[in-house]
Amino acid sequence: MGIGGAQARQPQKGLTFEDVWAMFQETDRQFQETDKKFQESRVEHDRIIEEMKKAIKEMSAHVDQVTQNVDRMSVRVDRVSNNVGGLNRSIGELIETLIAANLWEKFAAYPYRLKRAYQRVPIYDEQNKLRTDIDILLSDTEWCMAVEVKREADDKDVDHHLKRMKLIRQYPPLEVAGKRLLGAIAGGVVLPGTVEYAHKAGLFVLALTGESVALFDTPPGFAAQEW
């Protein structure tokens, strides 16, 4: 084709200064908006961080206060426990003392003649290890009786005392060695069913009655267990 038959192309229009300046202003505006949002976001971020620090500080102070309260409560509980423990020991020792007084007289109808009495007799094994002790030990030349004293005697106390009797026989102290050993359980209170339970096991049973000590009547056919 000749030159005259070709489609004429329009020359591209170049960017003018005004176009470039407008683009620069738009870019600057967008940048400023972005920077403003960033600054606002940073301010919000810093505010949140400060609030979190404040909350953590307040929580820490609260935890410290709670810890101090718990510590004070623990001290009070320990004091109460010690006082109660001391009171329990005092009551137990009082009951033991009341029962021990002239206890041998309660067995005057039996051929035991247990006129010597000892309290808190320790029982050691061959390695000199303390295995148990006897609350009250009544003794004469032929017989002796190990009496276990409880504030409130129940069936479990009977079972424990039967095990103790075997240990006493196995590792007899001087007051028991070579003698016939009997057992009894005594209490400030003895549960009704425990009296029968102990009698079936061959133990004598005693209890406080006011300021005195009573030996429960044994049932027909009762035979005192010897160890």
C-alpha atoms as a PDB file:
ATOM      1  CA  MET A   1       0.000   0.000   0.000  1.00  0.00           C
ATOM      2  CA  GLY A   2       1.026   3.459  -0.536  1.00  0.00           C
ATOM      3  CA  ILE A   3       1.523   5.985   2.075  1.00  0.00           C
ATOM      4  CA  GLY A   4      -1.723   7.551   1.272  1.00  0.00           C
ATOM      5  CA  GLY A   5      -3.634   4.310   2.012  1.00  0.00           C
ATOM      6  CA  ALA A   6      -2.207   3.676   5.556  1.00  0.00           C
ATOM      7  CA  GLN A   7      -4.234   4.533   8.702  1.00  0.00           C
ATOM      8  CA  ALA A   8      -2.672   7.485  10.380  1.00  0.00           C
ATOM      9  CA  ARG A   9      -1.470   6.931  14.039  1.00  0.00           C
ATOM     10  CA  GLN A  10      -2.077   9.562  16.661  1.00  0.00           C
ATOM     11  CA  PRO A  11       1.083  10.483  18.490  1.00  0.00           C
ATOM     12  CA  GLN A  12       1.022   9.685  22.283  1.00  0.00           C
ATOM     13  CA  LYS A  13       0.424  12.656  24.472  1.00  0.00           C
ATOM     14  CA  GLY A  14       3.202  13.119  27.021  1.00  0.00           C
ATOM     15  CA  LEU A  15       2.594  13.862  30.786  1.00  0.00           C
ATOM     16  CA  THR A  16       2.528  17.493  31.498  1.00  0.00           C
ATOM     17  CA  PHE A  17       3.929  19.161  34.600  1.00  0.00           C
ATOM     18  CA  GLU A  18       0.441  19.684  35.854  1.00  0.00           C
ATOM     19  CA  ASP A  19      -0.276  15.923  35.586  1.00  0.00           C
ATOM     20  CA  VAL A  20       2.911  15.013  37.445  1.00  0.00           C
ATOM     21  CA  TRP A  21       2.224  17.619  40.117  1.00  0.00           C
ATOM     22  CA  ALA A  22      -1.312  16.320  40.600  1.00  0.00           C
ATOM     23  CA  MET A  23      -0.035  12.764  40.919  1.00  0.00           C
ATOM     24  CA  PHE A  24       2.579  13.905  43.441  1.00  0.00           C
ATOM     25  CA  GLN A  25      -0.032  15.750  45.486  1.00  0.00           C
ATOM     26  CA  GLU A  26      -2.322  12.681  45.469  1.00  0.00           C
ATOM     27  CA  THR A  27       0.524  10.415  46.522  1.00  0.00           C
ATOM     28  CA  ASP A  28       1.499  12.836  49.271  1.00  0.00           C
ATOM     29  CA  ARG A  29      -2.104  13.019  50.468  1.00  0.00           C
ATOM     30  CA  GLN A  30      -2.381   9.233  50.573  1.00  0.00           C
ATOM     31  CA  PHE A  31       0.933   9.021  52.400  1.00  0.00           C
ATOM     32  CA  GLN A  32      -0.210  11.585  54.957  1.00  0.00           C
ATOM     33  CA  GLU A  33      -3.480   9.694  55.495  1.00  0.00           C
ATOM     34  CA  THR A  34      -1.564   6.444  55.909  1.00  0.00           C
ATOM     35  CA  ASP A  35       0.862   8.084  58.333  1.00  0.00           C
ATOM     36  CA  LYS A  36      -2.060   9.606  60.252  1.00  0.00           C
ATOM     37  CA  LYS A  37      -3.742   6.213  60.543  1.00  0.00           C
ATOM     38  CA  PHE A  38      -0.440   4.679  61.603  1.00  0.00           C
ATOM     39  CA  GLN A  39       0.040   7.343  64.263  1.00  0.00           C
ATOM     40  CA  GLU A  40      -3.530   6.902  65.465  1.00  0.00           C
ATOM     41  CA  SER A  41      -3.019   3.153  65.527  1.00  0.00           C
ATOM     42  CA  ARG A  42       0.223   3.584  67.456  1.00  0.00           C
ATOM     43  CA  VAL A  43      -1.450   5.878  69.968  1.00  0.00           C
ATOM     44  CA  GLU A  44      -4.240   3.309  70.431  1.00  0.00           C
ATOM     45  CA  HIS A  45      -1.655   0.554  70.726  1.00  0.00           C
ATOM     46  CA  ASP A  46       0.260   2.511  73.385  1.00  0.00           C
ATOM     47  CA  ARG A  47      -2.991   3.232  75.221  1.00  0.00           C
ATOM     48  CA  ILE A  48      -3.906  -0.455  75.259  1.00  0.00           C
ATOM     49  CA  ILE A  49      -0.420  -1.392  76.466  1.00  0.00           C
ATOM     50  CA  GLU A  50      -0.642   1.140  79.288  1.00  0.00           C
ATOM     51  CA  GLU A  51      -4.079  -0.120  80.300  1.00  0.00           C
ATOM     52  CA  MET A  52      -2.768  -3.692  80.302  1.00  0.00           C
ATOM     53  CA  LYS A  53       0.201  -2.669  82.456  1.00  0.00           C
ATOM     54  CA  LYS A  54      -2.152  -0.890  84.840  1.00  0.00           C
ATOM     55  CA  ALA A  55      -4.456  -3.925  84.990  1.00  0.00           C
ATOM     56  CA  ILE A  56      -1.516  -6.281  85.589  1.00  0.00           C
ATOM     57  CA  LYS A  57      -0.190  -3.992  88.330  1.00  0.00           C
ATOM     58  CA  GLU A  58      -3.610  -3.876  90.015  1.00  0.00           C
ATOM     59  CA  MET A  59      -3.988  -7.650  89.676  1.00  0.00           C
ATOM     60  CA  SER A  60      -0.505  -8.172  91.122  1.00  0.00           C
ATOM     61  CA  ALA A  61      -1.376  -5.978  94.086  1.00  0.00           C
ATOM     62  CA  HIS A  62      -4.608  -7.935  94.563  1.00  0.00           C
ATOM     63  CA  VAL A  63      -2.736 -11.237  94.399  1.00  0.00           C
ATOM     64  CA  ASP A  64      -0.242  -9.961  96.971  1.00  0.00           C
ATOM     65  CA  GLN A  65      -3.103  -8.964  99.256  1.00  0.00           C
ATOM     66  CA  VAL A  66      -4.790 -12.335  98.842  1.00  0.00           C
ATOM     67  CA  THR A  67      -1.466 -14.081  99.542  1.00  0.00           C
ATOM     68  CA  GLN A  68      -1.007 -12.045 102.706  1.00  0.00           C
ATOM     69  CA  ASN A  69      -4.550 -12.888 103.804  1.00  0.00           C
ATOM     70  CA  VAL A  70      -3.944 -16.592 103.128  1.00  0.00           C
ATOM     71  CA  ASP A  71      -0.680 -16.456 105.076  1.00  0.00           C
ATOM     72  CA  ARG A  72      -2.412 -14.793 108.013  1.00  0.00           C
ATOM     73  CA  MET A  73      -5.214 -17.357 107.827  1.00  0.00           C
ATOM     74  CA  SER A  74      -2.687 -20.202 107.748  1.00  0.00           C
ATOM     75  CA  VAL A  75      -1.021 -18.839 110.877  1.00  0.00           C
ATOM     76  CA  ARG A  76      -4.390 -18.664 112.630  1.00  0.00           C
ATOM     77  CA  VAL A  77      -5.293 -22.211 111.532  1.00  0.00           C
ATOM     78  CA  ASP A  78      -1.923 -23.471 112.788  1.00  0.00           C
ATOM     79  CA  ARG A  79      -2.500 -21.753 116.119  1.00  0.00           C
ATOM     80  CA  VAL A  80      -5.998 -23.215 116.419  1.00  0.00           C
ATOM     81  CA  SER A  81      -4.716 -26.670 115.441  1.00  0.00           C
ATOM     82  CA  ASN A  82      -1.969 -26.460 118.034  1.00  0.00           C
ATOM     83  CA  ASN A  83      -4.435 -25.320 120.662  1.00  0.00           C
ATOM     84  CA  VAL A  84      -6.898 -28.075 119.772  1.00  0.00           C
ATOM     85  CA  GLY A  85      -4.095 -30.629 119.690  1.00  0.00           C
ATOM     86  CA  GLY A  86      -2.913 -29.490 123.090  1.00  0.00           C
ATOM     87  CA  LEU A  87      -6.463 -29.579 124.407  1.00  0.00           C
ATOM     88  CA  ASN A  88      -6.949 -33.123 123.060  1.00  0.00           C
ATOM     89  CA  ARG A  89      -3.731 -34.240 124.711  1.00  0.00           C
ATOM     90  CA  SER A  90      -4.751 -32.588 127.977  1.00  0.00           C
ATOM     91  CA  ILE A  91      -8.149 -34.272 127.963  1.00  0.00           C
ATOM     92  CA  GLY A  92      -6.584 -37.626 127.047  1.00  0.00           C
ATOM     93  CA  GLU A  93      -4.031 -37.315 129.856  1.00  0.00           C
ATOM     94  CA  LEU A  94      -6.777 -36.335 132.321  1.00  0.00           C
ATOM     95  CA  ILE A  95      -8.901 -39.359 131.355  1.00  0.00           C
ATOM     96  CA  GLU A  96      -5.855 -41.617 131.658  1.00  0.00           C
ATOM     97  CA  THR A  97      -5.042 -40.221 135.107  1.00  0.00           C
ATOM     98  CA  LEU A  98      -8.622 -40.633 136.330  1.00  0.00           C
ATOM     99  CA  ILE A  99      -8.780 -44.217 135.101  1.00  0.00           C
ATOM    100  CA  ALA A 100      -5.344 -45.136 136.473  1.00  0.00           C
ATOM    101  CA  ALA A 101      -6.203 -44.111 140.038  1.00  0.00           C
ATOM    102  CA  ASN A 102      -6.756 -47.284 142.123  1.00  0.00           C
ATOM    103  CA  LEU A 103      -7.562 -49.204 138.961  1.00  0.00           C
ATOM    104  CA  TRP A 104      -6.409 -52.484 140.502  1.00  0.00           C
ATOM    105  CA  GLU A 105      -9.389 -52.354 142.883  1.00  0.00           C
ATOM    106  CA  LYS A 106     -11.732 -52.960 139.952  1.00  0.00           C
ATOM    107  CA  PHE A 107     -10.265 -56.474 139.643  1.00  0.00           C
ATOM    108  CA  ALA A 108     -10.431 -57.360 143.333  1.00  0.00           C
ATOM    109  CA  ALA A 109     -12.919 -60.144 142.554  1.00  0.00           C
ATOM    110  CA  TYR A 110     -10.361 -61.814 140.295  1.00  0.00           C
ATOM    111  CA  PRO A 111      -7.244 -63.704 141.434  1.00  0.00           C
ATOM    112  CA  TYR A 112      -4.872 -61.210 139.846  1.00  0.00           C
ATOM    113  CA  ARG A 113      -3.829 -58.879 142.708  1.00  0.00           C
ATOM    114  CA  LEU A 114      -2.677 -56.189 140.275  1.00  0.00           C
ATOM    115  CA  LYS A 115      -1.524 -53.664 142.861  1.00  0.00           C
ATOM    116  CA  ARG A 116       1.412 -52.169 140.972  1.00  0.00           C
ATOM    117  CA  ALA A 117       0.614 -49.673 138.241  1.00  0.00           C
ATOM    118  CA  TYR A 118       2.803 -48.063 135.567  1.00  0.00           C
ATOM    119  CA  GLN A 119       1.923 -45.499 132.920  1.00  0.00           C
ATOM    120  CA  ARG A 120       3.323 -44.951 129.424  1.00  0.00           C
ATOM    121  CA  VAL A 121       5.444 -48.088 129.309  1.00  0.00           C
ATOM    122  CA  PRO A 122       7.379 -48.143 125.984  1.00  0.00           C
ATOM    123  CA  ILE A 123       7.760 -51.341 123.930  1.00  0.00           C
ATOM    124  CA  TYR A 124      11.009 -51.647 121.926  1.00  0.00           C
ATOM    125  CA  ASP A 125      12.037 -54.342 119.466  1.00  0.00           C
ATOM    126  CA  GLU A 126      15.464 -55.986 119.094  1.00  0.00           C
ATOM    127  CA  GLN A 127      16.764 -52.959 117.135  1.00  0.00           C
ATOM    128  CA  ASN A 128      15.687 -50.697 120.010  1.00  0.00           C
ATOM    129  CA  LYS A 129      12.951 -49.230 117.783  1.00  0.00           C
ATOM    130  CA  LEU A 130       9.839 -48.034 119.560  1.00  0.00           C
ATOM    131  CA  ARG A 131       6.961 -50.244 118.409  1.00  0.00           C
ATOM    132  CA  THR A 132       4.161 -49.176 120.733  1.00  0.00           C
ATOM    133  CA  ASP A 133       3.496 -48.269 124.359  1.00  0.00           C
ATOM    134  CA  ILE A 134       1.149 -49.275 127.155  1.00  0.00           C
ATOM    135  CA  ASP A 135      -1.051 -46.522 128.542  1.00  0.00           C
ATOM    136  CA  ILE A 136      -1.503 -48.263 131.901  1.00  0.00           C
ATOM    137  CA  LEU A 137       0.214 -51.484 132.981  1.00  0.00           C
ATOM    138  CA  LEU A 138      -1.089 -53.287 136.069  1.00  0.00           C
ATOM    139  CA  SER A 139       1.140 -55.962 137.515  1.00  0.00           C
ATOM    140  CA  ASP A 140       1.829 -58.418 140.321  1.00  0.00           C
ATOM    141  CA  THR A 141       4.282 -61.297 140.601  1.00  0.00           C
ATOM    142  CA  GLU A 142       2.349 -63.634 138.290  1.00  0.00           C
ATOM    143  CA  TRP A 143      -0.097 -61.531 136.262  1.00  0.00           C
ATOM    144  CA  CYS A 144      -0.004 -58.274 134.361  1.00  0.00           C
ATOM    145  CA  MET A 145      -2.641 -56.372 132.395  1.00  0.00           C
ATOM    146  CA  ALA A 146      -2.115 -53.872 129.554  1.00  0.00           C
ATOM    147  CA  VAL A 147      -4.858 -51.242 129.545  1.00  0.00           C
ATOM    148  CA  GLU A 148      -5.393 -49.021 126.498  1.00  0.00           C
ATOM    149  CA  VAL A 149      -7.151 -45.705 127.277  1.00  0.00           C
ATOM    150  CA  LYS A 150      -9.213 -43.740 124.736  1.00  0.00           C
ATOM    151  CA  ARG A 151     -11.409 -40.677 124.936  1.00  0.00           C
ATOM    152  CA  GLU A 152     -14.108 -42.564 123.042  1.00  0.00           C
ATOM    153  CA  ALA A 153     -13.352 -46.241 122.540  1.00  0.00           C
ATOM    154  CA  ASP A 154     -14.783 -47.987 119.473  1.00  0.00           C
ATOM    155  CA  ASP A 155     -14.299 -51.297 117.632  1.00  0.00           C
ATOM    156  CA  LYS A 156     -11.226 -50.038 115.766  1.00  0.00           C
ATOM    157  CA  ASP A 157      -9.560 -49.262 119.088  1.00  0.00           C
ATOM    158  CA  VAL A 158     -10.232 -52.822 120.168  1.00  0.00           C
ATOM    159  CA  ASP A 159      -8.626 -54.180 116.991  1.00  0.00           C
ATOM    160  CA  HIS A 160      -5.576 -51.949 117.463  1.00  0.00           C
ATOM    161  CA  HIS A 161      -5.198 -53.044 121.061  1.00  0.00           C
ATOM    162  CA  LEU A 162      -5.313 -56.724 120.087  1.00  0.00           C
ATOM    163  CA  LYS A 163      -2.397 -56.078 117.698  1.00  0.00           C
ATOM    164  CA  ARG A 164      -0.628 -54.174 120.478  1.00  0.00           C
ATOM    165  CA  MET A 165      -1.046 -57.139 122.834  1.00  0.00           C
ATOM    166  CA  LYS A 166       0.843 -59.369 120.385  1.00  0.00           C
ATOM    167  CA  LEU A 167       3.687 -56.846 120.228  1.00  0.00           C
ATOM    168  CA  ILE A 168       3.834 -56.648 124.025  1.00  0.00           C
ATOM    169  CA  ARG A 169       4.073 -60.417 124.212  1.00  0.00           C
ATOM    170  CA  GLN A 170       6.673 -60.510 121.449  1.00  0.00           C
ATOM    171  CA  TYR A 171       8.795 -57.725 122.962  1.00  0.00           C
ATOM    172  CA  PRO A 172       7.938 -57.791 126.678  1.00  0.00           C
ATOM    173  CA  PRO A 173       9.361 -55.065 128.935  1.00  0.00           C
ATOM    174  CA  LEU A 174      10.804 -56.073 132.295  1.00  0.00           C
ATOM    175  CA  GLU A 175       7.441 -55.568 134.036  1.00  0.00           C
ATOM    176  CA  VAL A 176       5.832 -58.112 131.680  1.00  0.00           C
ATOM    177  CA  ALA A 177       8.577 -60.677 131.035  1.00  0.00           C
ATOM    178  CA  GLY A 178       7.767 -64.108 132.477  1.00  0.00           C
ATOM    179  CA  LYS A 179       4.225 -63.133 133.518  1.00  0.00           C
ATOM    180  CA  ARG A 180       0.775 -64.045 132.242  1.00  0.00           C
ATOM    181  CA  LEU A 181      -0.496 -61.140 130.157  1.00  0.00           C
ATOM    182  CA  LEU A 182      -4.109 -59.900 130.074  1.00  0.00           C
ATOM    183  CA  GLY A 183      -5.673 -56.984 128.213  1.00  0.00           C
ATOM    184  CA  ALA A 184      -8.297 -54.317 128.835  1.00  0.00           C
ATOM    185  CA  ILE A 185      -9.643 -51.274 127.042  1.00  0.00           C
ATOM    186  CA  ALA A 186     -10.926 -48.194 128.833  1.00  0.00           C
ATOM    187  CA  GLY A 187     -12.458 -44.927 127.736  1.00  0.00           C
ATOM    188  CA  GLY A 188     -14.034 -41.728 128.841  1.00  0.00           C
ATOM    189  CA  VAL A 189     -16.872 -43.124 126.735  1.00  0.00           C
ATOM    190  CA  VAL A 190     -17.188 -46.664 125.367  1.00  0.00           C
ATOM    191  CA  LEU A 191     -19.701 -47.210 122.581  1.00  0.00           C
ATOM    192  CA  PRO A 192     -22.352 -49.810 123.514  1.00  0.00           C
ATOM    193  CA  GLY A 193     -21.527 -52.258 120.740  1.00  0.00           C
ATOM    194  CA  THR A 194     -17.821 -51.959 121.531  1.00  0.00           C
ATOM    195  CA  VAL A 195     -18.312 -53.409 125.028  1.00  0.00           C
ATOM    196  CA  GLU A 196     -19.702 -56.629 123.554  1.00  0.00           C
ATOM    197  CA  TYR A 197     -17.072 -56.622 120.801  1.00  0.00           C
ATOM    198  CA  ALA A 198     -14.231 -56.325 123.322  1.00  0.00           C
ATOM    199  CA  HIS A 199     -15.671 -59.007 125.604  1.00  0.00           C
ATOM    200  CA  LYS A 200     -15.847 -61.424 122.669  1.00  0.00           C
ATOM    201  CA  ALA A 201     -12.145 -60.747 122.073  1.00  0.00           C
ATOM    202  CA  GLY A 202     -11.366 -61.606 125.714  1.00  0.00           C
ATOM    203  CA  LEU A 203     -10.679 -58.024 126.852  1.00  0.00           C
ATOM    204  CA  PHE A 204     -11.964 -56.385 130.005  1.00  0.00           C
ATOM    205  CA  VAL A 205     -13.777 -53.056 129.482  1.00  0.00           C
ATOM    206  CA  LEU A 206     -13.827 -50.002 131.748  1.00  0.00           C
ATOM    207  CA  ALA A 207     -15.330 -46.531 131.443  1.00  0.00           C
ATOM    208  CA  LEU A 208     -15.558 -43.329 133.401  1.00  0.00           C
ATOM    209  CA  THR A 209     -18.789 -42.765 135.313  1.00  0.00           C
ATOM    210  CA  GLY A 210     -18.623 -39.293 136.753  1.00  0.00           C
ATOM    211  CA  GLU A 211     -15.427 -39.139 138.804  1.00  0.00           C
ATOM    212  CA  SER A 212     -15.190 -42.905 139.185  1.00  0.00           C
ATOM    213  CA  VAL A 213     -14.317 -45.842 136.941  1.00  0.00           C
ATOM    214  CA  ALA A 214     -16.671 -48.723 136.248  1.00  0.00           C
ATOM    215  CA  LEU A 215     -15.709 -52.215 135.138  1.00  0.00           C
ATOM    216  CA  PHE A 216     -18.366 -53.558 132.772  1.00  0.00           C
ATOM    217  CA  ASP A 217     -19.877 -56.871 133.840  1.00  0.00           C
ATOM    218  CA  THR A 218     -18.590 -59.689 131.686  1.00  0.00           C
ATOM    219  CA  PRO A 219     -21.140 -61.902 129.903  1.00  0.00           C
ATOM    220  CA  PRO A 220     -21.743 -65.547 130.922  1.00  0.00           C
ATOM    221  CA  GLY A 221     -18.970 -67.775 129.676  1.00  0.00           C
ATOM    222  CA  PHE A 222     -16.489 -64.914 129.381  1.00  0.00           C
ATOM    223  CA  ALA A 223     -12.894 -66.066 129.332  1.00  0.00           C
ATOM    224  CA  ALA A 224     -10.133 -63.485 129.606  1.00  0.00           C
ATOM    225  CA  GLN A 225      -7.666 -63.837 126.746  1.00  0.00           C
ATOM    226  CA  GLU A 226      -4.076 -64.530 127.742  1.00  0.00           C
ATOM    227  CA  TRP A 227      -1.077 -63.626 125.617  1.00  0.00           C
END
